[in-house]
Amino acid sequence: MNSKILPVVLAGGQGTRLWPMSRAAYPKQFLALGGAETLYQATLRRVADPSLYLPPYVVTGTEYKFIALDQAADLGMPLGGVFLEPVQRNTCLAIATAAAMAINQHGPETILHVLPSDHFIETDADYWGSVEVAAMAAANGGLVTFGVTPVRPETGYGYIEKGQQIADRLFGVARFTEKPNAEVAEQFAADGRFLWNSGMFMFSAGAFWEQCLRLAPATAAAAEAALAETAGKSAVFELLARPYEDAPSVAVDVAIFEKTDRAQVVPVSYSWSDLGSWDGLWTSGSRDAAGNLVSGPTTVSNTTDSLVFSNQSHVVVEGLDGVAVVVTEDAVLVSKLSDTQKVGKLVETLKRNPVTSDLTRSNKTTFRPWGGYASVLQGERFQVKKLFVKPGKKLSLQKHHHRSEHWVVVRGTAQVTIDGNVTVLGENESVYLPLGCVHRLANPGKIMLEIIEVQTGSYLGEDDIIRLEDEFGRV
């Protein structure tokens, strides 16, 4: 038995209710929402104590591989394994996959601490006390969840009703209730037996796997099949697509916790939010004397109890109360703050419309493993982009069939390869890349490289890239 706890960080969600900042290509867990670190990084930081935790497992989508790896590397955080899901199939399969690997690598008695990567948590003495209680209960065979003491009626959370007390700070589970209506939420908040379902869990890998085999056998089979060809590979596990695609999409609460006789709950009272909507972020954030939470270039006047975020234009809000105003490079959300739980449904509407579907997929700034790019200006037969390349990174060796490019170095040092010839450019220097040339851009320096790229040609789509070599495996 390993005496240390193995964290399992779930980082595959798309965070649609925090649109327009959260998009499918770069969801909320990888955003820094008002802080220096992203939510994912804050989650990793909570499990960084090597005396308590093993290097964590991270379960995320294939498309988030490099984001998850880069943000962990920025913290200097070693990862025990990264599991790349080819499609989303909810939390039960993600956890089952991690549990199966944990049994193989560390043994069935290993305690797993399952943590969503997109929550706000205040790690005070109550938090660490609850971890200790849950770990002891898990070592004794319990499947433990953490229930947050309600501080208000909340229709956006599920609830757990406490059962009989088992030990100090540990109770059985009488029942789970999905998101209630306002009247029921009022009753639950006033009744000391009900807790918010935090979506955090702790159990031994063996106990969970045993219950998964009994209560969700199709999920257990899919997890085993998805891992079938990962033996002996690196710490990045590309899970097989077919088992995932065929598996049921079900939450672990529904598949396991609502059915098992081993469910237990540790009540907690530390500050917590799943940041599932803009009003959730407003509730958890540091508001000014008028009750406003603002971020970015904003001016707020005669306005109270509102959230105003911008990462682009300067936003001025005058004489409003209880609103959410969120401005990005290509979209603006204006809503009653109390109605922002409905944003997820609006995103589904946008996704179904061909005119607006791209707004749900990605921002104007697109992130790549080497850095990324932002669209500046586009017209007939030309396009202007701003490229940013991280220190020590390089783009693929590539060519284009339909466009030529001009690169101007704005900041940093660029190493440019054109048809085998290598040139180093400094700030304010430029280079021309003719149609069809084999080229590569690299940043050999210590600071971020920024390039203005002007493309001209008959076709300017991203699929006009023929990769010949690539350190990120995209050839």
Protein backbone atom coordinates (compact mmCIF):
# COMPACT_ATOMS: atom_id res chain seq x y z
CA MET A 1 0.00 0.00 0.00
CA ASN A 2 1.21 3.50 -0.80
CA SER A 3 0.58 5.78 2.18
CA LYS A 4 0.38 8.85 -0.03
CA ILE A 5 -2.82 10.00 -1.74
CA LEU A 6 -3.08 9.95 -5.53
CA PRO A 7 -4.95 13.00 -6.86
CA VAL A 8 -7.16 12.56 -9.93
CA VAL A 9 -7.75 15.96 -11.57
CA LEU A 10 -10.71 16.08 -13.97
CA ALA A 11 -9.96 18.68 -16.67
CA GLY A 12 -12.09 17.73 -19.65
CA GLY A 13 -15.16 19.96 -19.32
CA GLN A 14 -16.05 22.77 -21.71
CA GLY A 15 -17.49 25.32 -19.23
CA THR A 16 -20.22 26.59 -21.56
CA ARG A 17 -21.93 28.67 -18.86
CA LEU A 18 -18.88 30.96 -18.69
CA TRP A 19 -19.19 31.85 -22.38
CA PRO A 20 -17.98 34.03 -24.07
CA MET A 21 -14.63 33.76 -22.26
CA SER A 22 -14.81 29.98 -21.95
CA ARG A 23 -14.90 28.25 -25.35
CA ALA A 24 -14.72 24.62 -26.40
CA ALA A 25 -11.13 25.04 -27.61
CA TYR A 26 -9.98 26.79 -24.41
CA PRO A 27 -12.43 26.16 -21.54
CA LYS A 28 -12.71 27.78 -18.14
CA GLN A 29 -10.37 25.46 -16.22
CA PHE A 30 -7.47 26.80 -18.29
CA LEU A 31 -8.40 30.47 -17.80
CA ALA A 32 -7.11 32.87 -15.17
CA LEU A 33 -10.42 34.36 -14.04
CA GLY A 34 -9.29 37.35 -12.04
CA GLY A 35 -6.19 35.70 -10.57
CA ALA A 36 -2.59 35.09 -11.59
CA GLU A 37 -3.09 31.33 -11.98
CA THR A 38 -5.67 29.39 -13.94
CA LEU A 39 -8.27 27.28 -12.15
CA TYR A 40 -6.46 24.15 -13.31
CA GLN A 41 -3.16 25.44 -11.94
CA ALA A 42 -4.81 26.35 -8.61
CA THR A 43 -6.12 22.76 -8.41
CA LEU A 44 -2.64 21.36 -9.06
CA ARG A 45 -1.22 23.69 -6.43
CA ARG A 46 -3.61 22.21 -3.82
CA VAL A 47 -2.11 18.75 -4.37
CA ALA A 48 1.51 19.84 -4.65
CA ASP A 49 2.67 18.74 -1.16
CA PRO A 50 4.92 15.72 -1.86
CA SER A 51 4.66 14.57 1.75
CA LEU A 52 0.90 14.02 1.31
CA TYR A 53 0.32 13.47 -2.41
CA LEU A 54 1.76 11.45 -5.25
CA PRO A 55 2.18 13.27 -8.60
CA PRO A 56 -1.40 13.68 -9.86
CA TYR A 57 -3.23 11.99 -12.68
CA VAL A 58 -4.93 14.43 -15.06
CA VAL A 59 -7.88 13.31 -17.19
CA THR A 60 -8.60 15.70 -20.04
CA GLY A 61 -9.61 15.85 -23.69
CA THR A 62 -7.20 15.06 -26.49
CA GLU A 63 -7.47 18.65 -27.73
CA TYR A 64 -6.29 19.97 -24.34
CA LYS A 65 -3.13 17.85 -24.14
CA PHE A 66 -0.59 20.62 -24.62
CA ILE A 67 -2.50 23.17 -22.54
CA ALA A 68 -2.62 20.76 -19.58
CA LEU A 69 1.05 19.84 -19.94
CA ASP A 70 2.24 23.43 -20.43
CA GLN A 71 0.29 24.87 -17.50
CA ALA A 72 1.60 22.13 -15.21
CA ALA A 73 5.14 22.78 -16.46
CA ASP A 74 4.73 26.50 -15.76
CA LEU A 75 4.19 25.54 -12.10
CA GLY A 76 7.09 23.09 -12.14
CA MET A 77 4.52 20.44 -11.25
CA PRO A 78 5.31 16.80 -12.12
CA LEU A 79 2.35 14.75 -13.33
CA GLY A 80 1.90 11.05 -12.67
CA GLY A 81 -0.08 10.57 -15.87
CA VAL A 82 -2.18 12.45 -18.40
CA PHE A 83 -5.16 10.52 -19.80
CA LEU A 84 -6.47 11.88 -23.10
CA GLU A 85 -10.17 11.22 -23.69
CA PRO A 86 -11.08 11.05 -27.40
CA VAL A 87 -14.68 12.11 -26.60
CA GLN A 88 -16.45 13.31 -23.47
CA ARG A 89 -18.31 10.61 -21.54
CA ASN A 90 -18.88 12.33 -18.19
CA THR A 91 -17.17 11.70 -14.87
CA CYS A 92 -17.78 8.00 -14.17
CA LEU A 93 -15.71 6.75 -17.10
CA ALA A 94 -12.96 9.32 -16.48
CA ILE A 95 -12.64 8.22 -12.84
CA ALA A 96 -12.89 4.52 -13.69
CA THR A 97 -10.04 4.86 -16.19
CA ALA A 98 -7.85 6.55 -13.59
CA ALA A 99 -8.79 3.94 -10.96
CA ALA A 100 -7.88 1.07 -13.28
CA MET A 101 -4.46 2.59 -13.97
CA ALA A 102 -3.92 3.36 -10.27
CA ILE A 103 -4.53 -0.29 -9.37
CA ASN A 104 -2.01 -1.33 -12.01
CA GLN A 105 0.66 1.22 -11.04
CA HIS A 106 0.21 1.65 -7.28
CA GLY A 107 -2.08 -1.12 -6.00
CA PRO A 108 -5.80 -1.38 -5.10
CA GLU A 109 -5.37 0.18 -1.65
CA THR A 110 -4.17 3.48 -3.10
CA ILE A 111 -6.40 6.35 -1.97
CA LEU A 112 -7.68 8.52 -4.82
CA HIS A 113 -8.65 12.16 -4.29
CA VAL A 114 -10.89 13.15 -7.21
CA LEU A 115 -10.94 16.89 -7.90
CA PRO A 116 -12.65 18.90 -10.64
CA SER A 117 -10.15 21.36 -12.09
CA ASP A 118 -12.54 24.31 -12.38
CA HIS A 119 -13.61 24.99 -8.78
CA PHE A 120 -12.75 27.82 -6.40
CA ILE A 121 -11.71 26.51 -2.97
CA GLU A 122 -10.29 28.23 0.08
CA THR A 123 -7.76 25.81 1.57
CA ASP A 124 -8.05 26.66 5.25
CA ALA A 125 -7.77 24.39 8.31
CA ASP A 126 -11.30 23.07 7.68
CA TYR A 127 -10.27 21.97 4.19
CA TRP A 128 -7.24 20.01 5.31
CA GLY A 129 -9.16 18.55 8.25
CA SER A 130 -11.81 17.25 5.86
CA VAL A 131 -9.12 15.65 3.66
CA GLU A 132 -7.73 13.81 6.68
CA VAL A 133 -11.17 12.53 7.75
CA ALA A 134 -12.05 11.44 4.21
CA ALA A 135 -8.72 9.65 3.73
CA MET A 136 -9.26 7.61 6.89
CA ALA A 137 -12.81 6.73 5.82
CA ALA A 138 -11.60 5.76 2.34
CA ALA A 139 -8.90 3.52 3.82
CA ASN A 140 -11.69 1.70 5.67
CA GLY A 141 -13.58 1.01 2.44
CA GLY A 142 -15.86 4.05 2.24
CA LEU A 143 -16.70 5.92 -0.94
CA VAL A 144 -16.55 9.45 0.38
CA THR A 145 -17.90 12.69 -1.03
CA PHE A 146 -17.52 16.21 0.34
CA GLY A 147 -20.73 18.11 1.09
CA VAL A 148 -20.59 21.90 1.43
CA THR A 149 -22.79 23.54 4.06
CA PRO A 150 -25.19 25.79 2.11
CA VAL A 151 -24.86 29.54 2.69
CA ARG A 152 -27.87 30.42 0.48
CA PRO A 153 -30.62 28.71 -1.54
CA GLU A 154 -28.96 27.53 -4.74
CA THR A 155 -30.73 26.00 -7.73
CA GLY A 156 -27.50 25.44 -9.66
CA TYR A 157 -26.11 22.73 -7.34
CA GLY A 158 -27.11 19.19 -6.48
CA TYR A 159 -27.72 18.32 -2.81
CA ILE A 160 -26.76 15.50 -0.45
CA GLU A 161 -28.94 14.60 2.54
CA LYS A 162 -26.90 13.41 5.50
CA GLY A 163 -27.73 10.02 6.96
CA GLN A 164 -26.65 8.55 10.29
CA GLN A 165 -23.41 9.80 11.85
CA ILE A 166 -20.59 7.29 11.48
CA ALA A 167 -17.76 9.16 13.18
CA ASP A 168 -16.68 12.71 13.95
CA ARG A 169 -17.34 14.76 10.77
CA LEU A 170 -18.44 11.63 8.87
CA PHE A 171 -22.00 10.64 7.93
CA GLY A 172 -23.80 8.12 5.80
CA VAL A 173 -25.75 9.37 2.78
CA ALA A 174 -29.56 9.29 2.89
CA ARG A 175 -30.10 10.49 -0.68
CA PHE A 176 -28.87 12.66 -3.51
CA THR A 177 -31.09 15.32 -5.12
CA GLU A 178 -30.34 16.90 -8.48
CA LYS A 179 -30.61 20.66 -8.97
CA PRO A 180 -33.89 21.64 -7.24
CA ASN A 181 -36.34 24.44 -8.03
CA ALA A 182 -36.24 27.65 -5.99
CA GLU A 183 -38.85 26.53 -3.44
CA VAL A 184 -37.09 23.24 -2.68
CA ALA A 185 -33.71 25.00 -2.56
CA GLU A 186 -35.12 27.34 0.11
CA GLN A 187 -36.19 24.32 2.17
CA PHE A 188 -32.86 22.55 1.77
CA ALA A 189 -30.84 25.64 2.71
CA ALA A 190 -32.88 26.04 5.91
CA ASP A 191 -32.60 22.34 6.84
CA GLY A 192 -29.30 21.36 8.46
CA ARG A 193 -29.43 17.87 6.93
CA PHE A 194 -28.73 19.02 3.36
CA LEU A 195 -25.37 19.85 1.82
CA TRP A 196 -24.25 21.03 -1.61
CA ASN A 197 -22.78 18.24 -3.70
CA SER A 198 -19.25 19.48 -4.40
CA GLY A 199 -18.28 16.85 -6.99
CA MET A 200 -15.12 16.00 -5.00
CA PHE A 201 -14.55 12.43 -3.85
CA MET A 202 -12.14 10.18 -2.02
CA PHE A 203 -11.93 6.38 -2.04
CA SER A 204 -9.46 3.57 -2.56
CA ALA A 205 -8.93 2.58 -6.17
CA GLY A 206 -9.90 -1.01 -5.36
CA ALA A 207 -13.13 -0.12 -3.52
CA PHE A 208 -14.26 2.14 -6.36
CA TRP A 209 -13.37 -0.41 -9.02
CA GLU A 210 -15.28 -3.13 -7.16
CA GLN A 211 -18.40 -0.96 -7.03
CA CYS A 212 -17.94 0.05 -10.67
CA LEU A 213 -17.82 -3.61 -11.73
CA ARG A 214 -21.02 -4.28 -9.76
CA LEU A 215 -23.04 -1.13 -10.48
CA ALA A 216 -21.67 0.15 -13.80
CA PRO A 217 -20.12 -2.85 -15.58
CA ALA A 218 -20.31 -1.25 -19.05
CA THR A 219 -18.27 1.69 -17.78
CA ALA A 220 -15.68 -0.60 -16.16
CA ALA A 221 -15.35 -2.62 -19.36
CA ALA A 222 -14.91 0.55 -21.42
CA ALA A 223 -12.20 1.82 -19.08
CA GLU A 224 -10.25 -1.43 -19.32
CA ALA A 225 -10.60 -1.52 -23.11
CA ALA A 226 -9.57 2.14 -23.48
CA LEU A 227 -6.36 1.42 -21.55
CA ALA A 228 -5.62 -1.83 -23.39
CA GLU A 229 -2.79 -0.48 -25.55
CA THR A 230 -1.19 1.96 -23.10
CA ALA A 231 1.05 -0.51 -21.22
CA GLY A 232 4.70 0.52 -21.21
CA LYS A 233 4.02 3.86 -22.87
CA SER A 234 4.94 7.32 -21.60
CA ALA A 235 3.01 9.17 -18.92
CA VAL A 236 0.69 10.56 -21.61
CA PHE A 237 -1.95 7.91 -22.31
CA GLU A 238 -3.97 8.28 -25.50
CA LEU A 239 -7.13 6.31 -24.68
CA LEU A 240 -8.64 4.19 -27.45
CA ALA A 241 -11.51 5.91 -29.22
CA ARG A 242 -13.90 3.02 -29.86
CA PRO A 243 -14.40 1.95 -26.21
CA TYR A 244 -14.98 5.58 -25.21
CA GLU A 245 -17.41 6.24 -28.03
CA ASP A 246 -19.44 3.12 -27.16
CA ALA A 247 -19.46 3.75 -23.39
CA PRO A 248 -22.43 5.24 -21.53
CA SER A 249 -22.15 8.92 -20.67
CA VAL A 250 -23.04 9.08 -16.99
CA ALA A 251 -21.95 11.04 -13.92
CA VAL A 252 -20.25 9.14 -11.12
CA ASP A 253 -22.92 10.37 -8.70
CA VAL A 254 -25.67 8.71 -10.72
CA ALA A 255 -23.79 5.57 -11.72
CA ILE A 256 -22.14 4.75 -8.39
CA PHE A 257 -22.87 7.01 -5.43
CA GLU A 258 -26.67 6.95 -5.67
CA LYS A 259 -26.63 3.13 -5.76
CA THR A 260 -23.80 1.99 -3.52
CA ASP A 261 -24.19 1.13 0.17
CA ARG A 262 -20.71 2.50 0.84
CA ALA A 263 -21.46 6.19 0.20
CA GLN A 264 -20.34 8.54 2.97
CA VAL A 265 -20.17 12.32 3.24
CA VAL A 266 -17.84 14.71 5.05
CA PRO A 267 -19.61 18.06 5.71
CA VAL A 268 -17.38 21.09 5.11
CA SER A 269 -17.85 24.81 5.60
CA TYR A 270 -14.90 26.33 3.76
CA SER A 271 -15.48 28.76 0.92
CA TRP A 272 -16.28 26.79 -2.25
CA SER A 273 -17.86 27.36 -5.65
CA ASP A 274 -17.95 25.28 -8.81
CA LEU A 275 -17.79 28.56 -10.77
CA GLY A 276 -20.44 27.10 -13.03
CA SER A 277 -21.83 30.48 -14.06
CA TRP A 278 -20.99 34.18 -13.98
CA ASP A 279 -23.09 34.69 -10.86
CA GLY A 280 -21.09 31.90 -9.19
CA LEU A 281 -17.88 33.72 -10.05
CA TRP A 282 -19.37 36.99 -8.74
CA THR A 283 -20.35 35.30 -5.46
CA SER A 284 -16.85 33.88 -4.95
CA GLY A 285 -14.91 36.93 -6.10
CA SER A 286 -13.54 39.95 -4.27
CA ARG A 287 -16.17 42.65 -4.81
CA ASP A 288 -15.84 46.39 -4.20
CA ALA A 289 -17.88 48.46 -1.75
CA ALA A 290 -20.78 48.66 -4.24
CA GLY A 291 -20.82 44.90 -4.67
CA ASN A 292 -19.23 44.95 -8.13
CA LEU A 293 -16.69 42.44 -9.43
CA VAL A 294 -14.71 43.97 -12.30
CA SER A 295 -11.75 42.80 -14.35
CA GLY A 296 -9.91 44.29 -17.31
CA PRO A 297 -10.37 47.74 -18.89
CA THR A 298 -13.63 48.87 -17.27
CA THR A 299 -15.31 51.95 -15.78
CA VAL A 300 -18.35 51.36 -13.57
CA SER A 301 -20.54 54.25 -12.37
CA ASN A 302 -23.74 54.28 -10.28
CA THR A 303 -23.84 50.50 -10.63
CA THR A 304 -24.21 47.89 -7.89
CA ASP A 305 -24.00 44.12 -7.42
CA SER A 306 -22.74 43.53 -10.95
CA LEU A 307 -20.00 41.66 -12.79
CA VAL A 308 -18.11 43.46 -15.56
CA PHE A 309 -15.28 41.62 -17.35
CA SER A 310 -13.38 42.64 -20.47
CA ASN A 311 -10.23 41.34 -22.12
CA GLN A 312 -10.49 43.69 -25.08
CA SER A 313 -12.37 46.99 -25.39
CA HIS A 314 -12.82 49.46 -22.55
CA VAL A 315 -16.29 48.83 -21.11
CA VAL A 316 -18.31 51.57 -19.40
CA VAL A 317 -21.40 50.61 -17.36
CA GLU A 318 -23.65 53.36 -16.02
CA GLY A 319 -26.66 53.13 -13.71
CA LEU A 320 -27.31 49.38 -13.71
CA ASP A 321 -27.86 46.89 -10.91
CA GLY A 322 -27.40 43.14 -10.83
CA VAL A 323 -26.06 42.69 -14.37
CA ALA A 324 -23.32 40.67 -16.01
CA VAL A 325 -21.38 42.29 -18.86
CA VAL A 326 -18.64 40.15 -20.41
CA VAL A 327 -16.66 41.41 -23.41
CA THR A 328 -14.17 39.41 -25.48
CA GLU A 329 -12.50 40.03 -28.83
CA ASP A 330 -15.46 38.76 -30.83
CA ALA A 331 -18.54 38.53 -28.57
CA VAL A 332 -20.40 40.42 -25.84
CA LEU A 333 -22.70 38.94 -23.20
CA VAL A 334 -25.17 41.19 -21.36
CA SER A 335 -27.51 39.49 -18.88
CA LYS A 336 -29.17 39.80 -15.52
CA LEU A 337 -26.60 38.34 -13.15
CA SER A 338 -29.29 36.10 -11.67
CA ASP A 339 -30.02 34.62 -15.11
CA THR A 340 -26.48 33.62 -16.08
CA GLN A 341 -27.22 29.96 -15.28
CA LYS A 342 -29.07 30.04 -18.62
CA VAL A 343 -25.96 30.88 -20.64
CA GLY A 344 -25.24 27.19 -21.26
CA LYS A 345 -28.55 26.84 -23.11
CA LEU A 346 -27.80 29.98 -25.12
CA VAL A 347 -24.49 28.43 -26.18
CA GLU A 348 -26.37 25.40 -27.51
CA THR A 349 -28.54 27.77 -29.56
CA LEU A 350 -25.45 29.54 -30.93
CA LYS A 351 -23.84 26.20 -31.74
CA ARG A 352 -26.79 25.09 -33.88
CA ASN A 353 -26.66 28.25 -36.00
CA PRO A 354 -23.97 28.09 -38.73
CA VAL A 355 -23.53 31.86 -38.50
CA THR A 356 -22.62 31.76 -34.79
CA SER A 357 -21.29 28.23 -34.25
CA ASP A 358 -17.64 29.33 -34.45
CA LEU A 359 -18.24 31.67 -31.51
CA THR A 360 -18.75 28.63 -29.28
CA ARG A 361 -15.66 26.82 -30.51
CA SER A 362 -12.75 29.22 -30.20
CA ASN A 363 -11.72 32.77 -29.40
CA LYS A 364 -10.06 35.06 -31.92
CA THR A 365 -6.85 34.19 -30.09
CA THR A 366 -5.99 30.57 -30.86
CA PHE A 367 -3.55 28.70 -28.62
CA ARG A 368 -1.04 26.17 -29.89
CA PRO A 369 1.60 24.07 -28.10
CA TRP A 370 4.28 26.53 -29.24
CA GLY A 371 2.29 29.67 -28.32
CA GLY A 372 -0.54 30.89 -30.52
CA TYR A 373 -1.92 33.56 -32.81
CA ALA A 374 -4.61 36.21 -32.95
CA SER A 375 -6.42 37.49 -36.01
CA VAL A 376 -5.88 41.22 -36.48
CA LEU A 377 -7.40 42.00 -39.89
CA GLN A 378 -8.82 39.99 -42.74
CA GLY A 379 -9.90 40.92 -46.27
CA GLU A 380 -10.09 39.53 -49.78
CA ARG A 381 -6.79 37.71 -50.51
CA PHE A 382 -5.01 39.00 -47.39
CA GLN A 383 -4.90 38.36 -43.64
CA VAL A 384 -2.92 39.89 -40.77
CA LYS A 385 -2.12 37.87 -37.64
CA LYS A 386 -0.12 38.38 -34.49
CA LEU A 387 1.95 35.30 -33.62
CA PHE A 388 3.45 34.67 -30.18
CA VAL A 389 6.04 31.94 -29.67
CA LYS A 390 7.18 30.78 -26.23
CA PRO A 391 10.91 30.78 -25.38
CA GLY A 392 12.59 27.64 -26.68
CA LYS A 393 9.61 26.60 -28.83
CA LYS A 394 9.37 26.24 -32.60
CA LEU A 395 6.63 25.77 -35.14
CA SER A 396 6.51 22.81 -37.49
CA LEU A 397 8.66 22.69 -40.61
CA GLN A 398 5.99 23.43 -43.21
CA LYS A 399 4.97 24.86 -46.55
CA HIS A 400 1.86 26.39 -48.15
CA HIS A 401 0.37 25.82 -51.60
CA HIS A 402 -1.77 28.95 -51.83
CA ARG A 403 -0.17 31.79 -49.85
CA SER A 404 3.01 33.71 -49.25
CA GLU A 405 3.86 35.46 -45.97
CA HIS A 406 5.74 38.45 -44.57
CA TRP A 407 7.00 38.26 -40.97
CA VAL A 408 7.91 41.36 -38.94
CA VAL A 409 9.54 40.88 -35.53
CA VAL A 410 7.85 43.12 -32.95
CA ARG A 411 9.44 41.69 -29.82
CA GLY A 412 12.15 39.13 -29.07
CA THR A 413 14.42 37.14 -31.36
CA ALA A 414 13.28 34.98 -34.28
CA GLN A 415 15.16 32.11 -35.87
CA VAL A 416 13.78 31.70 -39.41
CA THR A 417 14.48 28.73 -41.67
CA ILE A 418 13.64 29.10 -45.41
CA ASP A 419 14.52 26.23 -47.75
CA GLY A 420 17.33 25.14 -45.44
CA ASN A 421 18.83 28.61 -44.89
CA VAL A 422 18.73 29.84 -41.28
CA THR A 423 18.52 33.55 -40.39
CA VAL A 424 18.25 35.24 -36.98
CA LEU A 425 16.08 38.37 -36.86
CA GLY A 426 15.82 40.99 -34.12
CA GLU A 427 13.14 43.54 -33.36
CA ASN A 428 11.95 45.67 -36.31
CA GLU A 429 13.50 43.26 -38.83
CA SER A 430 11.44 41.39 -41.41
CA VAL A 431 11.55 38.52 -43.88
CA TYR A 432 9.55 37.39 -46.93
CA LEU A 433 8.43 33.76 -47.35
CA PRO A 434 7.54 33.04 -50.98
CA LEU A 435 4.77 30.69 -52.03
CA GLY A 436 5.77 27.02 -51.64
CA CYS A 437 8.95 27.55 -49.64
CA VAL A 438 9.75 25.12 -46.82
CA HIS A 439 10.00 27.21 -43.67
CA ARG A 440 10.03 27.20 -39.89
CA LEU A 441 9.85 29.83 -37.13
CA ALA A 442 11.56 29.33 -33.76
CA ASN A 443 12.21 31.35 -30.64
CA PRO A 444 15.79 30.81 -29.42
CA GLY A 445 15.52 33.60 -26.84
CA LYS A 446 14.48 33.95 -23.20
CA ILE A 447 11.39 36.12 -23.72
CA MET A 448 8.19 35.71 -25.71
CA LEU A 449 8.63 36.20 -29.45
CA GLU A 450 5.97 38.37 -31.09
CA ILE A 451 5.57 38.47 -34.85
CA ILE A 452 3.20 40.33 -37.17
CA GLU A 453 2.39 38.00 -40.05
CA VAL A 454 0.86 39.28 -43.29
CA GLN A 455 -0.55 36.53 -45.51
CA THR A 456 -1.45 37.09 -49.17
CA GLY A 457 -2.81 34.58 -51.64
CA SER A 458 -5.80 32.87 -53.21
CA TYR A 459 -6.62 30.76 -50.10
CA LEU A 460 -5.74 31.58 -46.49
CA GLY A 461 -7.32 28.72 -44.51
CA GLU A 462 -5.46 26.95 -41.70
CA ASP A 463 -5.73 23.67 -43.60
CA ASP A 464 -3.23 24.99 -46.19
CA ILE A 465 -0.36 23.82 -43.98
CA ILE A 466 1.75 20.86 -45.11
CA ARG A 467 3.78 19.79 -42.07
CA LEU A 468 7.05 18.01 -42.82
CA GLU A 469 8.48 17.85 -39.27
CA ASP A 470 6.85 18.65 -35.94
CA GLU A 471 8.03 18.19 -32.36
CA PHE A 472 4.41 17.96 -31.18
CA GLY A 473 3.50 14.93 -33.27
CA ARG A 474 1.17 16.71 -35.71
CA VAL A 475 2.76 15.48 -38.97
